[in-house]
Amino acid sequence: MDASSLHVRSYGADLGTDRHDFAQLVLPLGGAVLLDIDGRQDRLDPLRGACVAPGAWHAQAGIGPNESLILDVATTAMSHPAWARLLERPFMTLGPGARKLVEFMGVMRAQPALLRGWMPLLLDTLALDAPRPASRLAALLARIEAEPGLPWSTDSMARSAGLSVSRLHALFRAELDTSPHAWLRGIRLSRARAWLVETTRPIADIALAAGFSDQSALTRALRDVTGMTPGAYRRAGRRALPSSVAR
């Protein structure tokens, strides 16, 4: 399996037994599930979740209609400090903060890249006393990458992450060796460049979708980096693509 994967699953009424070499979080979105982990049994619902340790025998059965967010994590990816606590107590109460995150991740299930960015914050909320600043930053980056066209500013980025502006700047410098503004500009330009080459969307639409104020702003930014206008960049990039990709 990959280092980690996130999916939504519904359980039937039959109690099925399983065992695997990766850890698993079971976080109900709706309904209830009866879960047995190495002989310890509990009822899971949106207020209660569970952590299955690698190698643990477990059996589960749905109690009526149910749906759970399932996080599978390979042992090689379990460096987050929350895992030590989660593995000590397989069943956990989900507080308001954790429930809100689980609900959000359930709604955004169709965007796996966004969900992976929110995993560290989810683990912090489940097991640590307070979310770590680095986890807040990872969740923020994932959200911006999913929606670069929103009117992001340093202030709105700080508010979204629950940090002060000065703390946000310090985190960007420590974790990414750049500033929030420079990182945001790079993400927007990267997204615009991909759309220019891989789609036939109008350049003005691409500029707005990527977060630029207008086509002229995109043109200036692209010229600074590549020396080309959006039209020239599109022509050069599409010539290098297979015909099946350029559409």
Protein backbone atom coordinates (compact mmCIF):
# COMPACT_ATOMS: atom_id res chain seq x y z
CA MET A 1 0.00 0.00 0.00
CA ASP A 2 1.01 3.66 -0.29
CA ALA A 3 2.34 5.45 2.78
CA SER A 4 -1.21 6.55 3.54
CA SER A 5 -4.63 6.42 1.95
CA LEU A 6 -8.00 7.85 2.87
CA HIS A 7 -11.37 6.51 1.81
CA VAL A 8 -14.99 6.17 2.89
CA ARG A 9 -16.46 2.77 3.71
CA SER A 10 -19.79 1.30 4.82
CA TYR A 11 -19.90 -1.93 6.86
CA GLY A 12 -22.44 -4.70 6.52
CA ALA A 13 -24.17 -6.55 9.34
CA ASP A 14 -21.86 -9.58 9.20
CA LEU A 15 -18.95 -9.46 11.62
CA GLY A 16 -15.91 -9.85 9.38
CA THR A 17 -12.43 -10.53 10.81
CA ASP A 18 -9.33 -8.89 9.38
CA ARG A 19 -5.67 -8.22 10.10
CA HIS A 20 -3.15 -6.06 8.22
CA ASP A 21 0.35 -4.69 8.63
CA PHE A 22 -0.68 -1.02 8.64
CA ALA A 23 -2.46 1.17 11.17
CA GLN A 24 -6.04 2.20 10.57
CA LEU A 25 -8.25 4.98 11.91
CA VAL A 26 -12.00 4.35 11.80
CA LEU A 27 -13.96 7.61 12.11
CA PRO A 28 -17.73 7.31 11.57
CA LEU A 29 -19.44 9.99 9.49
CA GLY A 30 -22.90 8.62 10.15
CA GLY A 31 -24.63 5.61 11.66
CA ALA A 32 -22.87 3.18 13.99
CA VAL A 33 -20.34 0.35 13.78
CA LEU A 34 -19.56 -2.40 16.29
CA LEU A 35 -15.78 -2.89 16.35
CA ASP A 36 -13.75 -5.55 18.14
CA ILE A 37 -9.96 -5.06 18.39
CA ASP A 38 -8.04 -7.99 19.88
CA GLY A 39 -10.99 -8.85 22.12
CA ARG A 40 -11.82 -5.28 23.14
CA GLN A 41 -15.19 -4.19 21.81
CA ASP A 42 -16.91 -0.82 21.49
CA ARG A 43 -19.63 0.91 19.51
CA LEU A 44 -18.45 3.61 17.12
CA ASP A 45 -20.53 6.55 15.95
CA PRO A 46 -19.84 10.20 14.99
CA LEU A 47 -18.90 10.85 18.64
CA ARG A 48 -16.55 7.89 18.97
CA GLY A 49 -13.75 6.53 16.78
CA ALA A 50 -11.04 3.89 16.92
CA CYS A 51 -7.40 3.22 16.05
CA VAL A 52 -6.44 -0.28 14.91
CA ALA A 53 -2.75 -1.06 15.50
CA PRO A 54 -0.67 -2.79 12.81
CA GLY A 55 -1.09 -6.56 13.13
CA ALA A 56 -4.12 -6.37 15.44
CA TRP A 57 -7.00 -8.76 14.78
CA HIS A 58 -10.23 -6.82 14.40
CA ALA A 59 -13.80 -7.46 13.38
CA GLN A 60 -16.50 -4.97 12.51
CA ALA A 61 -20.21 -4.97 11.78
CA GLY A 62 -22.49 -2.13 10.77
CA ILE A 63 -25.50 -1.29 12.91
CA GLY A 64 -27.97 -0.20 10.25
CA PRO A 65 -26.88 2.26 7.53
CA ASN A 66 -23.41 3.61 8.26
CA GLU A 67 -20.49 5.39 6.69
CA SER A 68 -16.97 5.86 8.07
CA LEU A 69 -13.87 7.77 7.09
CA ILE A 70 -11.01 5.24 6.99
CA LEU A 71 -7.37 6.31 7.20
CA ASP A 72 -4.82 3.58 6.39
CA VAL A 73 -1.20 4.41 7.28
CA ALA A 74 1.87 2.25 6.67
CA THR A 75 4.21 1.80 9.64
CA THR A 76 6.94 3.65 7.71
CA ALA A 77 4.74 6.76 7.68
CA MET A 78 3.88 6.76 11.39
CA SER A 79 6.36 9.42 12.48
CA HIS A 80 3.66 11.75 13.76
CA PRO A 81 3.83 11.97 17.59
CA ALA A 82 0.09 11.33 17.91
CA TRP A 83 0.45 7.66 16.96
CA ALA A 84 2.04 6.68 20.28
CA ARG A 85 -1.02 7.88 22.17
CA LEU A 86 -3.54 6.57 19.65
CA LEU A 87 -2.09 3.06 19.74
CA GLU A 88 -2.23 2.99 23.55
CA ARG A 89 -6.00 3.50 23.60
CA PRO A 90 -7.77 2.00 20.58
CA PHE A 91 -11.13 3.65 21.26
CA MET A 92 -11.46 7.42 21.55
CA THR A 93 -14.09 10.07 22.12
CA LEU A 94 -14.26 12.58 19.28
CA GLY A 95 -14.48 16.11 20.64
CA PRO A 96 -16.02 19.05 18.77
CA GLY A 97 -12.78 19.92 16.99
CA ALA A 98 -12.18 16.37 15.80
CA ARG A 99 -15.81 15.94 14.70
CA LYS A 100 -15.64 19.13 12.66
CA LEU A 101 -12.48 17.94 10.92
CA VAL A 102 -13.90 14.49 10.20
CA GLU A 103 -17.07 16.05 8.76
CA PHE A 104 -15.01 18.39 6.59
CA MET A 105 -12.84 15.56 5.31
CA GLY A 106 -15.93 13.50 4.56
CA VAL A 107 -17.39 16.34 2.49
CA MET A 108 -14.08 16.84 0.65
CA ARG A 109 -13.52 13.12 0.00
CA ALA A 110 -13.27 13.68 -3.76
CA GLN A 111 -10.07 15.73 -3.32
CA PRO A 112 -7.44 13.29 -1.99
CA ALA A 113 -4.59 15.80 -2.20
CA LEU A 114 -6.51 18.20 0.03
CA LEU A 115 -7.34 15.44 2.51
CA ARG A 116 -3.72 14.31 2.79
CA GLY A 117 -2.75 17.85 3.73
CA TRP A 118 -5.28 17.82 6.57
CA MET A 119 -4.17 14.45 8.02
CA PRO A 120 -1.50 15.89 10.38
CA LEU A 121 -4.04 18.34 11.81
CA LEU A 122 -6.54 15.50 12.29
CA LEU A 123 -3.97 13.42 14.16
CA ASP A 124 -3.04 16.39 16.35
CA THR A 125 -6.69 16.98 17.19
CA LEU A 126 -7.33 13.32 18.01
CA ALA A 127 -4.35 12.73 20.29
CA LEU A 128 -2.40 15.84 21.25
CA ASP A 129 -3.25 18.63 23.63
CA ALA A 130 -3.20 21.23 20.85
CA PRO A 131 -2.57 21.18 17.09
CA ARG A 132 1.06 21.75 16.17
CA PRO A 133 1.80 24.87 14.09
CA ALA A 134 3.35 22.73 11.34
CA SER A 135 0.11 20.73 11.07
CA ARG A 136 -1.90 23.93 10.80
CA LEU A 137 0.42 25.03 8.02
CA ALA A 138 0.08 21.72 6.13
CA ALA A 139 -3.71 22.02 6.21
CA LEU A 140 -3.54 25.62 5.00
CA LEU A 141 -1.24 24.74 2.10
CA ALA A 142 -3.52 21.92 1.00
CA ARG A 143 -6.55 24.20 1.04
CA ILE A 144 -4.83 26.91 -0.99
CA GLU A 145 -3.53 24.40 -3.53
CA ALA A 146 -7.10 23.11 -3.94
CA GLU A 147 -8.56 26.62 -4.32
CA PRO A 148 -5.83 29.00 -5.54
CA GLY A 149 -8.39 31.35 -7.09
CA LEU A 150 -9.82 32.46 -3.75
CA PRO A 151 -8.82 35.99 -2.66
CA TRP A 152 -5.98 34.82 -0.43
CA SER A 153 -3.91 37.38 1.43
CA THR A 154 -1.40 37.03 4.25
CA ASP A 155 -4.12 38.03 6.71
CA SER A 156 -6.68 35.52 5.39
CA MET A 157 -4.05 32.77 5.29
CA ALA A 158 -3.17 33.45 8.93
CA ARG A 159 -6.85 33.43 9.96
CA SER A 160 -7.50 30.18 8.11
CA ALA A 161 -4.59 28.51 9.90
CA GLY A 162 -5.50 29.95 13.30
CA LEU A 163 -2.15 31.74 13.54
CA SER A 164 -0.92 35.29 13.87
CA VAL A 165 0.57 36.89 10.78
CA SER A 166 4.01 36.99 12.38
CA ARG A 167 3.78 33.30 13.33
CA LEU A 168 2.65 32.44 9.80
CA HIS A 169 5.69 34.23 8.34
CA ALA A 170 7.98 32.41 10.78
CA LEU A 171 6.49 29.02 9.87
CA PHE A 172 6.83 29.62 6.14
CA ARG A 173 10.44 30.60 6.63
CA ALA A 174 11.20 27.61 8.88
CA GLU A 175 9.30 24.96 6.91
CA LEU A 176 9.56 26.20 3.30
CA ASP A 177 12.33 28.81 3.36
CA THR A 178 10.09 31.38 1.70
CA SER A 179 7.40 33.94 2.50
CA PRO A 180 3.62 33.38 2.32
CA HIS A 181 3.33 35.85 -0.56
CA ALA A 182 6.11 34.25 -2.60
CA TRP A 183 4.75 30.74 -2.03
CA LEU A 184 1.22 31.79 -3.01
CA ARG A 185 2.47 33.47 -6.18
CA GLY A 186 4.41 30.34 -7.10
CA ILE A 187 1.39 28.06 -6.58
CA ARG A 188 -0.85 30.30 -8.66
CA LEU A 189 1.68 30.54 -11.45
CA SER A 190 2.30 26.78 -11.42
CA ARG A 191 -1.43 26.10 -11.70
CA ALA A 192 -1.83 28.63 -14.51
CA ARG A 193 1.09 27.12 -16.44
CA ALA A 194 -0.41 23.65 -16.19
CA TRP A 195 -3.82 24.85 -17.39
CA LEU A 196 -2.28 26.77 -20.27
CA VAL A 197 -0.55 23.66 -21.59
CA GLU A 198 -3.05 20.96 -20.69
CA THR A 199 -6.38 22.66 -21.48
CA THR A 200 -7.94 24.96 -24.08
CA ARG A 201 -9.51 27.27 -21.49
CA PRO A 202 -9.37 30.96 -22.40
CA ILE A 203 -6.33 32.70 -20.93
CA ALA A 204 -8.49 35.27 -19.12
CA ASP A 205 -10.44 32.46 -17.41
CA ILE A 206 -7.22 30.72 -16.41
CA ALA A 207 -5.86 33.93 -14.90
CA LEU A 208 -8.92 34.38 -12.67
CA ALA A 209 -9.16 30.69 -11.72
CA ALA A 210 -5.50 30.68 -10.67
CA GLY A 211 -5.96 33.75 -8.48
CA PHE A 212 -4.61 36.56 -10.66
CA SER A 213 -6.60 39.77 -10.83
CA ASP A 214 -6.77 39.68 -14.63
CA GLN A 215 -4.97 38.40 -17.73
CA SER A 216 -2.45 41.25 -17.60
CA ALA A 217 -1.38 40.24 -14.08
CA LEU A 218 -0.81 36.68 -15.26
CA THR A 219 1.14 37.92 -18.27
CA ARG A 220 3.46 39.98 -16.07
CA ALA A 221 4.04 37.11 -13.64
CA LEU A 222 4.70 34.60 -16.42
CA ARG A 223 7.07 36.94 -18.23
CA ASP A 224 9.04 37.45 -15.01
CA VAL A 225 9.63 33.70 -14.73
CA THR A 226 9.76 32.42 -18.31
CA GLY A 227 10.15 35.49 -20.52
CA MET A 228 7.05 34.42 -22.47
CA THR A 229 3.47 35.61 -22.71
CA PRO A 230 0.70 33.13 -21.80
CA GLY A 231 -0.08 32.56 -25.48
CA ALA A 232 3.54 31.84 -26.36
CA TYR A 233 3.93 29.59 -23.33
CA ARG A 234 0.81 27.64 -24.33
CA ARG A 235 2.02 27.13 -27.90
CA ALA A 236 5.47 26.01 -26.80
CA GLY A 237 4.14 23.70 -24.12
CA ARG A 238 1.48 22.08 -26.28
CA ARG A 239 3.96 21.33 -29.03
CA ALA A 240 5.84 19.19 -26.51
CA LEU A 241 2.75 17.24 -25.39
CA PRO A 242 1.37 14.03 -26.92
CA SER A 243 -1.81 14.74 -28.89
CA SER A 244 -3.81 12.63 -26.42
CA VAL A 245 -2.84 14.96 -23.56
CA ALA A 246 -3.29 18.33 -25.26
CA ARG A 247 -6.99 18.93 -25.21
